[in-house]
N, C-alpha and C. Protein backbone atom coordinates (compact mmCIF):
# COMPACT_ATOMS: atom_id res chain seq x y z
N MET A 1 -9.31 92.73 10.18
CA MET A 1 -11.00 92.57 9.88
C MET A 1 -11.42 94.38 9.61
N THR A 2 -11.96 94.40 9.00
CA THR A 2 -12.06 95.93 8.14
C THR A 2 -13.54 96.09 8.53
N GLU A 3 -14.70 95.46 9.24
CA GLU A 3 -15.68 95.65 9.28
C GLU A 3 -16.30 97.01 10.83
N LYS A 4 -16.75 97.77 10.23
CA LYS A 4 -17.60 98.65 11.00
C LYS A 4 -17.24 98.51 12.78
N ILE A 5 -17.49 99.17 13.22
CA ILE A 5 -17.30 99.11 14.58
C ILE A 5 -18.48 100.08 15.51
N THR A 6 -19.46 99.32 15.58
CA THR A 6 -19.95 100.57 16.31
C THR A 6 -20.01 100.39 18.15
N PHE A 7 -20.22 101.51 18.59
CA PHE A 7 -20.02 101.07 20.17
C PHE A 7 -20.99 101.96 20.72
N TYR A 8 -21.89 100.98 21.47
CA TYR A 8 -23.13 101.35 22.66
C TYR A 8 -22.77 101.70 23.81
N THR A 9 -22.66 102.73 24.70
CA THR A 9 -22.58 102.89 25.99
C THR A 9 -23.38 104.03 26.14
N ASN A 10 -23.01 104.63 27.37
CA ASN A 10 -23.34 105.57 28.61
C ASN A 10 -22.21 106.15 29.09
N PRO A 11 -21.42 107.11 29.25
CA PRO A 11 -20.18 107.67 30.02
C PRO A 11 -20.29 107.32 31.67
N MET A 12 -21.37 107.34 32.10
CA MET A 12 -21.82 106.57 33.62
C MET A 12 -22.27 105.36 33.79
N SER A 13 -21.48 104.44 33.05
CA SER A 13 -21.66 102.52 32.77
C SER A 13 -20.33 102.28 33.10
N ARG A 14 -20.37 100.83 32.55
CA ARG A 14 -18.90 100.29 32.58
C ARG A 14 -18.58 100.36 31.58
N GLY A 15 -19.68 101.35 30.30
CA GLY A 15 -19.28 101.23 29.41
C GLY A 15 -17.79 102.16 29.07
N ARG A 16 -17.22 102.67 29.93
CA ARG A 16 -15.89 103.21 30.10
C ARG A 16 -14.71 102.16 30.07
N ILE A 17 -15.09 100.54 30.61
CA ILE A 17 -14.18 99.79 30.19
C ILE A 17 -13.78 99.43 28.85
N ALA A 18 -14.82 99.43 27.78
CA ALA A 18 -14.98 98.91 26.87
C ALA A 18 -14.66 100.21 25.81
N ARG A 19 -14.85 101.36 26.66
CA ARG A 19 -14.02 103.04 25.74
C ARG A 19 -12.45 102.57 25.76
N TRP A 20 -12.33 102.09 27.07
CA TRP A 20 -11.11 102.19 27.70
C TRP A 20 -9.99 101.22 26.92
N MET A 21 -10.56 100.07 26.24
CA MET A 21 -10.42 99.00 25.73
C MET A 21 -10.05 99.38 23.90
N LEU A 22 -11.17 99.87 23.82
CA LEU A 22 -11.20 100.41 22.56
C LEU A 22 -9.96 101.12 22.00
N GLU A 23 -9.98 101.81 22.57
CA GLU A 23 -8.70 103.05 22.27
C GLU A 23 -7.64 102.43 22.55
N GLU A 24 -7.32 101.92 23.38
CA GLU A 24 -6.40 100.59 23.32
C GLU A 24 -5.80 99.59 21.98
N THR A 25 -6.80 99.13 20.90
CA THR A 25 -6.49 98.86 20.27
C THR A 25 -6.66 99.55 18.96
N GLY A 26 -6.62 101.12 18.60
CA GLY A 26 -6.40 101.99 17.91
C GLY A 26 -7.51 101.47 16.59
N VAL A 27 -8.30 101.50 16.78
CA VAL A 27 -9.08 101.08 15.47
C VAL A 27 -9.89 102.24 15.55
N PRO A 28 -10.45 102.52 14.12
CA PRO A 28 -12.19 103.42 14.56
C PRO A 28 -13.31 102.70 14.72
N TYR A 29 -13.93 103.43 15.66
CA TYR A 29 -14.88 103.16 15.85
C TYR A 29 -15.85 104.53 15.94
N HIS A 30 -17.27 103.79 15.44
CA HIS A 30 -18.42 104.53 15.83
C HIS A 30 -19.19 104.92 17.34
N THR A 31 -19.72 105.82 17.74
CA THR A 31 -20.11 105.76 19.05
C THR A 31 -21.70 105.99 18.81
N GLU A 32 -22.41 105.44 19.69
CA GLU A 32 -24.07 105.43 20.15
C GLU A 32 -24.27 106.09 21.45
N MET A 33 -24.58 106.90 21.70
CA MET A 33 -24.61 106.89 23.02
C MET A 33 -26.51 106.86 23.82
N LEU A 34 -26.42 106.19 24.84
CA LEU A 34 -27.87 106.05 25.17
C LEU A 34 -28.48 106.43 26.67
N THR A 35 -29.45 106.90 26.30
CA THR A 35 -29.60 107.09 27.99
C THR A 35 -30.63 106.32 28.56
N PHE A 36 -29.91 106.37 30.17
CA PHE A 36 -30.61 105.56 31.49
C PHE A 36 -32.56 105.83 30.68
N GLY A 37 -33.31 105.30 30.76
CA GLY A 37 -34.73 105.11 31.15
C GLY A 37 -35.47 105.69 29.79
N GLY A 38 -34.22 105.58 28.84
CA GLY A 38 -34.79 106.56 27.55
C GLY A 38 -34.42 105.45 26.39
N THR A 39 -33.37 105.70 25.30
CA THR A 39 -33.21 105.12 24.68
C THR A 39 -32.25 103.60 24.52
N ILE A 40 -31.70 103.34 25.32
CA ILE A 40 -31.40 102.51 26.17
C ILE A 40 -32.42 100.84 26.36
N LYS A 41 -33.84 101.31 26.51
CA LYS A 41 -34.55 100.32 26.55
C LYS A 41 -35.57 101.02 25.53
N GLU A 42 -35.27 101.30 24.26
CA GLU A 42 -36.27 100.98 22.81
C GLU A 42 -36.02 100.18 22.42
N PRO A 43 -36.69 99.77 21.22
CA PRO A 43 -36.88 98.54 21.02
C PRO A 43 -35.23 98.46 19.85
N ALA A 44 -35.38 99.56 19.26
CA ALA A 44 -33.31 99.47 18.62
C ALA A 44 -32.59 99.27 19.37
N TYR A 45 -32.12 99.31 20.16
CA TYR A 45 -31.38 98.85 21.12
C TYR A 45 -31.61 97.49 21.62
N MET A 46 -32.66 97.59 21.92
CA MET A 46 -33.24 96.01 22.69
C MET A 46 -32.41 95.06 21.79
N SER A 47 -32.54 95.52 20.70
CA SER A 47 -32.65 94.13 19.44
C SER A 47 -30.65 93.31 19.52
N ILE A 48 -30.35 94.77 19.80
CA ILE A 48 -28.94 94.42 20.16
C ILE A 48 -28.85 93.78 21.46
N ASN A 49 -29.01 94.83 22.42
CA ASN A 49 -28.84 93.87 23.83
C ASN A 49 -30.30 93.69 24.19
N PRO A 50 -30.66 92.85 24.79
CA PRO A 50 -31.97 92.47 25.41
C PRO A 50 -31.91 92.51 26.43
N MET A 51 -30.89 92.91 26.89
CA MET A 51 -30.47 93.38 28.82
C MET A 51 -31.14 94.91 28.89
N GLY A 52 -31.15 95.38 27.50
CA GLY A 52 -31.50 96.51 27.88
C GLY A 52 -30.49 97.57 28.44
N LYS A 53 -29.16 96.80 28.29
CA LYS A 53 -28.00 97.30 29.45
C LYS A 53 -26.12 97.55 28.33
N VAL A 54 -25.40 99.01 28.85
CA VAL A 54 -24.62 99.02 28.04
C VAL A 54 -23.42 98.44 29.14
N PRO A 55 -21.99 98.34 28.27
CA PRO A 55 -21.65 98.85 26.86
C PRO A 55 -22.25 97.33 25.74
N ALA A 56 -22.17 97.87 24.56
CA ALA A 56 -22.11 96.44 23.64
C ALA A 56 -21.54 97.07 22.48
N VAL A 57 -20.72 96.16 21.93
CA VAL A 57 -20.43 96.11 20.58
C VAL A 57 -20.66 95.74 19.07
N ARG A 58 -21.10 96.58 18.18
CA ARG A 58 -21.22 95.54 16.65
C ARG A 58 -20.09 95.83 16.45
N HIS A 59 -19.52 94.49 15.75
CA HIS A 59 -18.73 94.08 15.19
C HIS A 59 -19.04 93.82 13.85
N GLY A 60 -19.23 94.83 12.45
CA GLY A 60 -19.69 94.09 11.34
C GLY A 60 -21.13 93.49 11.33
N GLU A 61 -21.50 92.35 11.32
CA GLU A 61 -22.78 91.45 11.87
C GLU A 61 -22.69 90.99 13.56
N THR A 62 -21.72 91.41 13.84
CA THR A 62 -21.32 90.17 15.33
C THR A 62 -21.26 91.38 16.11
N VAL A 63 -22.50 90.89 17.39
CA VAL A 63 -22.69 91.45 18.60
C VAL A 63 -21.97 90.91 19.71
N VAL A 64 -21.46 91.90 20.76
CA VAL A 64 -20.88 91.32 21.84
C VAL A 64 -20.67 92.07 23.14
N THR A 65 -21.88 91.33 24.01
CA THR A 65 -21.72 92.38 25.16
C THR A 65 -21.19 91.93 26.21
N GLU A 66 -21.45 92.70 27.48
CA GLU A 66 -20.55 92.34 28.73
C GLU A 66 -18.46 92.84 28.63
N CYS A 67 -18.60 93.51 29.91
CA CYS A 67 -17.46 93.94 29.55
C CYS A 67 -16.13 92.98 29.33
N ALA A 68 -15.67 91.60 30.23
CA ALA A 68 -15.00 91.11 30.11
C ALA A 68 -14.78 90.44 28.24
N ALA A 69 -15.80 90.33 28.16
CA ALA A 69 -15.93 89.55 26.49
C ALA A 69 -15.70 90.11 25.62
N ILE A 70 -16.31 91.98 25.56
CA ILE A 70 -15.73 92.34 24.69
C ILE A 70 -14.60 92.83 24.90
N CYS A 71 -13.32 93.05 25.82
CA CYS A 71 -12.26 93.25 26.59
C CYS A 71 -11.95 91.53 25.42
N ALA A 72 -11.82 91.21 25.90
CA ALA A 72 -11.53 89.37 25.15
C ALA A 72 -11.24 89.28 23.47
N TYR A 73 -12.74 90.08 23.09
CA TYR A 73 -13.31 89.69 21.58
C TYR A 73 -12.10 90.70 20.95
N LEU A 74 -12.48 91.31 21.71
CA LEU A 74 -11.40 93.08 20.75
C LEU A 74 -9.49 92.49 21.06
N ALA A 75 -9.25 92.17 21.82
CA ALA A 75 -7.95 91.31 21.79
C ALA A 75 -7.67 90.56 20.94
N GLU A 76 -8.62 89.89 20.39
CA GLU A 76 -8.15 88.87 19.55
C GLU A 76 -8.51 88.97 17.89
N ALA A 77 -9.62 90.19 18.31
CA ALA A 77 -9.81 90.30 16.80
C ALA A 77 -9.03 91.16 16.23
N PHE A 78 -8.05 91.99 16.71
CA PHE A 78 -7.26 93.02 16.40
C PHE A 78 -6.28 92.74 17.23
N PRO A 79 -5.39 91.07 16.92
CA PRO A 79 -4.09 90.67 17.50
C PRO A 79 -2.81 91.77 16.91
N GLN A 80 -3.02 92.82 16.03
CA GLN A 80 -1.97 93.82 15.85
C GLN A 80 -1.75 94.77 17.18
N ALA A 81 -2.56 95.09 17.91
CA ALA A 81 -2.69 95.51 19.17
C ALA A 81 -1.93 95.17 20.26
N GLY A 82 -1.44 93.73 20.28
CA GLY A 82 -0.78 93.21 21.18
C GLY A 82 -1.58 92.81 22.67
N LEU A 83 -2.70 93.16 23.10
CA LEU A 83 -3.78 93.10 23.84
C LEU A 83 -4.12 91.70 24.25
N ALA A 84 -3.84 90.54 23.41
CA ALA A 84 -4.28 89.33 23.83
C ALA A 84 -3.06 88.42 24.47
N PRO A 85 -3.69 87.00 25.04
CA PRO A 85 -2.31 86.86 25.90
C PRO A 85 -1.41 85.71 24.98
N GLN A 86 -0.14 85.68 25.17
CA GLN A 86 0.67 84.77 24.74
C GLN A 86 0.67 83.53 25.16
N PRO A 87 1.37 82.13 25.16
CA PRO A 87 0.72 81.11 25.68
C PRO A 87 1.19 81.32 26.93
N ASP A 88 2.16 81.51 27.53
CA ASP A 88 2.74 81.65 29.05
C ASP A 88 2.27 82.51 29.29
N GLU A 89 1.44 83.50 29.08
CA GLU A 89 0.33 84.24 29.86
C GLU A 89 -1.24 84.10 29.72
N ARG A 90 -1.80 83.27 29.28
CA ARG A 90 -2.83 82.43 29.15
C ARG A 90 -3.25 82.33 30.53
N ALA A 91 -2.75 81.77 30.96
CA ALA A 91 -3.48 81.19 32.12
C ALA A 91 -3.92 82.15 33.52
N ASP A 92 -3.46 82.92 33.61
CA ASP A 92 -2.85 84.40 34.68
C ASP A 92 -3.78 85.50 33.83
N TYR A 93 -3.83 85.03 32.28
CA TYR A 93 -4.60 86.33 32.25
C TYR A 93 -6.56 85.81 31.94
N TYR A 94 -6.75 84.87 32.14
CA TYR A 94 -7.49 83.82 31.89
C TYR A 94 -8.62 84.11 33.34
N ARG A 95 -7.42 84.05 33.99
CA ARG A 95 -7.59 83.26 35.54
C ARG A 95 -8.09 85.30 36.66
N TRP A 96 -7.91 86.06 35.94
CA TRP A 96 -7.45 87.01 36.67
C TRP A 96 -8.64 87.78 35.89
N MET A 97 -8.57 87.51 34.88
CA MET A 97 -10.03 88.64 33.95
C MET A 97 -11.74 87.62 34.67
N PHE A 98 -11.46 86.51 34.64
CA PHE A 98 -13.08 86.23 35.28
C PHE A 98 -13.24 86.22 36.78
N PHE A 99 -12.00 86.14 37.25
CA PHE A 99 -11.55 86.19 38.87
C PHE A 99 -12.71 87.77 38.73
N ALA A 100 -12.42 88.80 37.98
CA ALA A 100 -12.56 90.44 38.34
C ALA A 100 -14.05 90.50 37.89
N ALA A 101 -14.70 89.56 36.50
CA ALA A 101 -16.03 89.41 35.97
C ALA A 101 -16.89 88.97 37.43
N GLY A 102 -16.35 87.69 37.90
CA GLY A 102 -16.98 86.71 39.13
C GLY A 102 -16.93 87.74 40.51
N PRO A 103 -16.07 87.21 41.30
CA PRO A 103 -15.98 87.06 42.20
C PRO A 103 -15.73 88.61 42.79
N LEU A 104 -15.16 89.14 42.60
CA LEU A 104 -14.68 90.76 42.30
C LEU A 104 -15.90 91.34 42.74
N GLU A 105 -16.58 91.50 41.19
CA GLU A 105 -18.08 92.39 40.73
C GLU A 105 -18.90 91.69 41.67
N THR A 106 -18.96 90.48 42.17
CA THR A 106 -20.02 90.03 43.10
C THR A 106 -19.80 90.62 44.60
N SER A 107 -19.04 90.49 44.97
CA SER A 107 -18.70 90.91 46.02
C SER A 107 -18.76 92.70 46.24
N VAL A 108 -18.28 93.20 45.74
CA VAL A 108 -18.30 94.75 45.59
C VAL A 108 -19.66 94.84 45.56
N MET A 109 -20.83 94.43 44.61
CA MET A 109 -22.06 94.83 44.47
C MET A 109 -22.69 94.36 45.56
N LEU A 110 -22.74 93.42 46.06
CA LEU A 110 -22.87 93.02 47.37
C LEU A 110 -22.87 93.73 48.52
N LYS A 111 -21.71 94.35 48.90
CA LYS A 111 -21.47 95.25 49.77
C LYS A 111 -21.99 96.66 49.37
N ALA A 112 -21.93 97.23 48.24
CA ALA A 112 -22.55 98.55 48.54
C ALA A 112 -24.15 98.28 48.54
N LEU A 113 -24.85 96.99 48.34
CA LEU A 113 -25.98 96.82 47.83
C LEU A 113 -26.15 96.63 50.04
N GLY A 114 -25.56 96.64 50.69
CA GLY A 114 -26.08 96.65 52.02
C GLY A 114 -25.88 95.11 52.37
N PHE A 115 -25.82 93.71 51.51
CA PHE A 115 -25.76 92.18 51.49
C PHE A 115 -24.41 92.11 52.47
N GLU A 116 -24.87 91.26 53.36
CA GLU A 116 -23.24 90.30 53.77
C GLU A 116 -23.68 88.92 53.74
N ILE A 117 -22.70 87.96 53.08
CA ILE A 117 -23.01 86.95 53.48
C ILE A 117 -22.90 86.12 54.40
N PRO A 118 -24.17 85.66 55.20
CA PRO A 118 -23.83 84.81 56.59
C PRO A 118 -21.96 84.03 56.79
N GLN A 119 -21.26 84.16 57.85
CA GLN A 119 -20.28 82.87 57.80
C GLN A 119 -20.53 81.84 57.49
N GLU A 120 -21.75 81.10 57.97
CA GLU A 120 -22.20 79.86 57.83
C GLU A 120 -22.59 79.52 56.69
N ARG A 121 -23.04 80.27 55.22
CA ARG A 121 -23.07 80.24 54.22
C ARG A 121 -22.13 80.53 53.19
N LEU A 122 -21.17 80.87 53.85
CA LEU A 122 -20.20 81.42 52.51
C LEU A 122 -19.82 80.30 51.51
N ARG A 123 -19.81 79.09 52.20
CA ARG A 123 -19.22 78.26 51.08
C ARG A 123 -20.80 77.78 49.97
N MET A 124 -21.56 78.28 50.04
CA MET A 124 -22.75 78.33 48.93
C MET A 124 -22.54 79.38 48.10
N ALA A 125 -21.79 80.68 48.65
CA ALA A 125 -21.26 81.83 47.73
C ALA A 125 -19.53 81.86 46.99
N GLY A 126 -20.36 81.99 45.46
CA GLY A 126 -18.96 81.57 44.64
C GLY A 126 -18.15 82.31 44.80
N CYS A 127 -18.23 83.93 45.44
CA CYS A 127 -17.49 84.61 45.22
C CYS A 127 -16.76 84.99 46.86
N GLY A 128 -17.36 84.11 47.54
CA GLY A 128 -16.58 84.10 49.14
C GLY A 128 -16.93 85.24 49.72
N SER A 129 -16.55 85.55 50.85
CA SER A 129 -16.02 86.61 51.79
C SER A 129 -15.24 87.76 50.74
N PHE A 130 -16.21 89.15 51.42
CA PHE A 130 -15.43 90.41 50.95
C PHE A 130 -13.96 90.48 51.08
N GLY A 131 -13.42 89.88 52.32
CA GLY A 131 -12.42 90.30 52.51
C GLY A 131 -11.46 89.42 51.82
N ASP A 132 -12.07 87.54 51.80
CA ASP A 132 -10.87 87.17 51.16
C ASP A 132 -10.70 87.95 49.10
N VAL A 133 -11.69 88.28 49.09
CA VAL A 133 -11.62 88.45 47.47
C VAL A 133 -10.12 89.53 47.66
N MET A 134 -10.92 90.81 49.11
CA MET A 134 -9.85 91.73 48.66
C MET A 134 -8.08 91.22 48.83
N GLY A 135 -8.04 90.14 49.15
CA GLY A 135 -6.50 89.84 50.09
C GLY A 135 -6.35 89.27 48.79
N THR A 136 -7.36 88.67 48.02
CA THR A 136 -6.89 87.27 46.81
C THR A 136 -6.17 88.39 45.29
N LEU A 137 -7.24 89.69 45.47
CA LEU A 137 -6.95 90.63 44.42
C LEU A 137 -5.56 91.40 44.65
N GLU A 138 -5.43 91.60 46.11
CA GLU A 138 -4.03 92.46 46.42
C GLU A 138 -3.02 91.41 45.83
N LYS A 139 -2.82 90.18 46.21
CA LYS A 139 -1.96 89.11 45.62
C LYS A 139 -1.70 89.10 44.37
N ALA A 140 -2.52 89.61 43.56
CA ALA A 140 -2.98 89.50 41.79
C ALA A 140 -2.40 90.66 41.47
N VAL A 141 -2.38 91.67 42.31
CA VAL A 141 -1.57 92.86 41.82
C VAL A 141 -0.09 93.32 42.17
N SER A 142 0.50 92.46 43.66
CA SER A 142 1.22 92.54 44.20
C SER A 142 2.65 92.13 43.72
N ALA A 143 2.79 91.04 42.55
CA ALA A 143 3.29 90.88 42.18
C ALA A 143 5.10 91.45 41.66
N ALA A 144 5.86 91.04 41.49
CA ALA A 144 7.12 91.76 41.47
C ALA A 144 6.75 92.87 39.80
N SER A 145 6.27 91.54 38.82
CA SER A 145 5.71 91.98 37.30
C SER A 145 4.72 93.45 37.45
N PRO A 146 4.95 94.39 36.89
CA PRO A 146 4.04 95.56 36.67
C PRO A 146 2.24 95.22 36.53
N TYR A 147 2.32 93.79 35.87
CA TYR A 147 0.70 93.25 35.04
C TYR A 147 0.36 92.19 35.16
N ILE A 148 -0.93 92.15 35.09
CA ILE A 148 -1.38 90.85 35.57
C ILE A 148 -0.97 89.19 35.04
N THR A 149 -0.18 89.76 33.77
CA THR A 149 0.23 88.83 33.25
C THR A 149 1.64 88.62 33.19
N GLY A 150 2.56 89.60 33.85
CA GLY A 150 3.87 89.37 34.01
C GLY A 150 4.54 90.87 33.25
N ASN A 151 5.27 91.27 32.27
CA ASN A 151 5.84 92.54 32.08
C ASN A 151 5.08 92.96 30.67
N ARG A 152 4.06 92.70 31.04
CA ARG A 152 3.31 93.18 28.89
C ARG A 152 1.81 93.52 30.08
N PHE A 153 1.13 94.57 29.40
CA PHE A 153 0.14 95.23 29.81
C PHE A 153 -0.83 94.19 28.30
N THR A 154 -1.87 93.97 28.98
CA THR A 154 -2.81 92.90 28.09
C THR A 154 -4.05 93.42 28.69
N ALA A 155 -5.32 92.83 27.89
CA ALA A 155 -6.60 93.29 27.65
C ALA A 155 -7.42 92.96 29.52
N ALA A 156 -6.39 91.72 30.17
CA ALA A 156 -6.72 91.46 31.15
C ALA A 156 -6.39 92.82 32.70
N ASP A 157 -5.46 93.59 32.04
CA ASP A 157 -5.39 94.66 32.70
C ASP A 157 -6.36 96.22 32.33
N VAL A 158 -7.00 95.97 31.75
CA VAL A 158 -7.96 96.77 30.89
C VAL A 158 -9.13 96.70 32.10
N TYR A 159 -9.75 94.82 32.17
CA TYR A 159 -10.80 94.98 32.77
C TYR A 159 -10.36 94.80 34.63
N VAL A 160 -9.30 94.48 34.97
CA VAL A 160 -9.24 93.93 36.04
C VAL A 160 -8.60 95.74 36.94
N GLY A 161 -7.90 96.51 35.90
CA GLY A 161 -7.50 97.56 36.88
C GLY A 161 -8.87 98.62 36.42
N SER A 162 -9.89 98.41 35.38
CA SER A 162 -11.01 99.19 35.10
C SER A 162 -11.71 99.49 36.67
N HIS A 163 -12.29 98.02 36.77
CA HIS A 163 -12.49 97.76 38.36
C HIS A 163 -11.89 98.30 39.47
N ILE A 164 -10.56 98.00 39.77
CA ILE A 164 -9.91 98.79 40.85
C ILE A 164 -9.88 100.19 40.61
N GLY A 165 -9.89 101.04 39.41
CA GLY A 165 -9.54 102.28 39.71
C GLY A 165 -11.29 102.80 39.35
N TRP A 166 -12.06 101.97 39.47
CA TRP A 166 -13.98 102.72 39.45
C TRP A 166 -14.08 102.07 41.21
N GLY A 167 -13.30 101.48 41.66
CA GLY A 167 -13.37 101.03 43.12
C GLY A 167 -12.95 102.15 43.94
N LEU A 168 -11.68 102.15 43.79
CA LEU A 168 -11.02 103.34 44.30
C LEU A 168 -11.41 104.57 43.91
N ALA A 169 -12.44 104.74 43.28
CA ALA A 169 -12.16 106.42 43.43
C ALA A 169 -14.20 106.59 43.60
N PHE A 170 -14.50 104.84 44.08
CA PHE A 170 -16.51 105.06 44.76
C PHE A 170 -16.26 104.92 45.78
N GLY A 171 -14.99 103.95 46.27
CA GLY A 171 -15.30 103.73 47.96
C GLY A 171 -15.82 102.46 47.55
N GLY A 172 -15.64 101.28 46.66
CA GLY A 172 -16.57 99.98 46.82
C GLY A 172 -15.25 98.85 47.15
N ILE A 173 -13.78 99.06 47.00
CA ILE A 173 -13.06 98.48 47.29
C ILE A 173 -11.75 99.44 48.27
N GLU A 174 -11.39 98.90 49.06
CA GLU A 174 -10.27 98.82 50.20
C GLU A 174 -9.15 99.88 49.18
N LYS A 175 -8.50 100.96 49.62
CA LYS A 175 -7.81 101.80 49.29
C LYS A 175 -6.54 101.00 50.41
N ARG A 176 -6.15 100.25 49.52
CA ARG A 176 -4.76 99.10 49.93
C ARG A 176 -3.83 99.51 48.68
N GLN A 177 -2.11 100.16 49.15
CA GLN A 177 -1.47 100.98 48.30
C GLN A 177 -1.39 99.61 47.00
N ALA A 178 -1.12 98.35 47.20
CA ALA A 178 -1.01 97.92 46.08
C ALA A 178 -2.57 98.38 45.08
N PHE A 179 -3.22 98.58 45.20
CA PHE A 179 -4.40 98.70 44.40
C PHE A 179 -3.87 100.22 44.14
N VAL A 180 -3.62 100.63 44.43
CA VAL A 180 -2.91 102.29 44.13
C VAL A 180 -2.47 102.58 43.31
N ASP A 181 -1.03 101.72 43.60
CA ASP A 181 0.05 101.62 42.82
C ASP A 181 -0.19 100.71 41.64
N TYR A 182 -1.03 100.08 41.37
CA TYR A 182 -1.41 99.13 40.11
C TYR A 182 -2.03 99.95 39.36
N PHE A 183 -2.84 100.44 39.83
CA PHE A 183 -3.65 101.51 38.72
C PHE A 183 -3.61 102.46 38.13
N GLY A 184 -2.20 103.24 39.47
CA GLY A 184 -1.38 104.23 39.33
C GLY A 184 -0.77 104.10 37.59
N ARG A 185 -0.32 102.95 37.83
CA ARG A 185 0.48 102.53 36.46
C ARG A 185 -0.28 102.74 34.93
N LEU A 186 -1.68 101.96 35.69
CA LEU A 186 -2.41 102.22 34.35
C LEU A 186 -2.60 103.42 33.77
N ALA A 187 -2.96 104.08 34.63
CA ALA A 187 -3.96 104.97 33.98
C ALA A 187 -3.05 106.59 33.63
N GLU A 188 -1.63 105.98 33.47
CA GLU A 188 -0.20 107.01 32.91
C GLU A 188 -0.81 106.28 31.48
N ARG A 189 -1.38 105.64 31.03
CA ARG A 189 -1.35 105.03 29.18
C ARG A 189 -2.65 106.14 29.03
N ASP A 190 -1.59 106.51 27.63
CA ASP A 190 -2.55 107.35 26.34
C ASP A 190 -4.16 107.00 26.40
N ALA A 191 -4.22 105.70 26.13
CA ALA A 191 -5.52 105.15 25.94
C ALA A 191 -6.49 105.53 26.88
N TYR A 192 -5.93 104.92 27.92
CA TYR A 192 -6.54 105.27 29.40
C TYR A 192 -7.14 107.04 29.25
N LYS A 193 -6.32 107.76 29.16
CA LYS A 193 -6.53 109.15 29.12
C LYS A 193 -7.57 109.25 28.34
N ARG A 194 -6.85 108.77 27.10
CA ARG A 194 -8.10 109.44 25.56
C ARG A 194 -9.33 108.84 26.01
N ALA A 195 -9.37 107.84 26.74
CA ALA A 195 -10.95 107.57 26.93
C ALA A 195 -11.43 107.91 28.29
N THR A 196 -10.54 108.26 29.09
CA THR A 196 -11.57 109.26 30.11
C THR A 196 -12.15 110.41 30.12
N ALA A 197 -11.08 111.43 28.82
CA ALA A 197 -11.57 112.21 28.23
C ALA A 197 -12.64 112.58 27.07
N LEU A 198 -12.98 111.41 26.53
CA LEU A 198 -14.00 111.09 25.87
C LEU A 198 -15.44 111.13 26.58
N ASP A 199 -14.95 110.10 28.32
CA ASP A 199 -15.93 109.90 28.11
C ASP A 199 -16.95 111.14 29.25
N GLU A 200 -15.60 112.05 29.56
CA GLU A 200 -16.04 113.29 30.57
C GLU A 200 -16.61 114.14 29.64
N GLU A 201 -16.68 114.18 28.25
CA GLU A 201 -16.69 115.36 27.44
C GLU A 201 -18.58 114.70 27.02
N ALA A 202 -18.60 113.56 27.29
CA ALA A 202 -19.67 113.13 26.54
C ALA A 202 -20.87 113.25 27.71
N ALA A 203 -20.35 112.86 28.88
CA ALA A 203 -21.28 112.81 30.30
C ALA A 203 -21.64 114.73 30.63
N LYS A 204 -20.55 115.69 30.41
CA LYS A 204 -21.21 117.22 30.09
C LYS A 204 -22.00 117.08 29.19
N ALA A 205 -21.46 116.69 28.15
CA ALA A 205 -22.93 116.99 27.01
C ALA A 205 -24.74 116.52 27.26
N MET A 206 -24.44 115.56 28.08
CA MET A 206 -25.67 114.77 28.09
C MET A 206 -26.11 115.26 29.41
N GLN A 207 -25.35 115.91 30.71
CA GLN A 207 -25.49 116.58 31.37
C GLN A 207 -26.61 117.96 31.06
N ALA A 208 -25.84 118.64 29.97
CA ALA A 208 -26.05 119.95 29.68
C ALA A 208 -27.83 119.63 28.67
N ALA A 209 -28.00 118.79 27.95
CA ALA A 209 -28.82 118.58 27.23
C ALA A 209 -29.99 118.83 27.70
């Protein structure tokens, strides 16, 4: 697919997940930096994402929002990068990607906002308890294999790893050794280092402006 890719983001956002994924694909893309309270809510961008949130990716005439969807889309749009699941990897790939997009993100956000689900109402909450989420996530990354689907790095590792890395850095998740070890492996990837450097540079430029 040769259509132009435009990446809409802010370096202090979940856009870092999509940036890492774009760097993993190895395809060229154009970055549009948006400002919170400014260009992110202007009509030009609201026509891309009516939520007025980042990230978003425009690939030709196709627009994709939501980080998990962006990761899955790019993996399939650029199969040469080897980031989409093989048939025997699909179950774990989709299971843990959607676990991170659902129970993990929800429980971490509730905790950050100071909300605690009453014990008697846990059945109503799809995310369950924070403790259950941490325990389940720990099992997912504690297997003998180094990655979510086994011995091969995929887009699911970009998405799950981003949540773990961000959570470790800012205290959103518990600092369990399994999380530290898993993210440590991912942080050594060249694409992750490139993406981080680009976002750090962009953050400094925006602060100086």
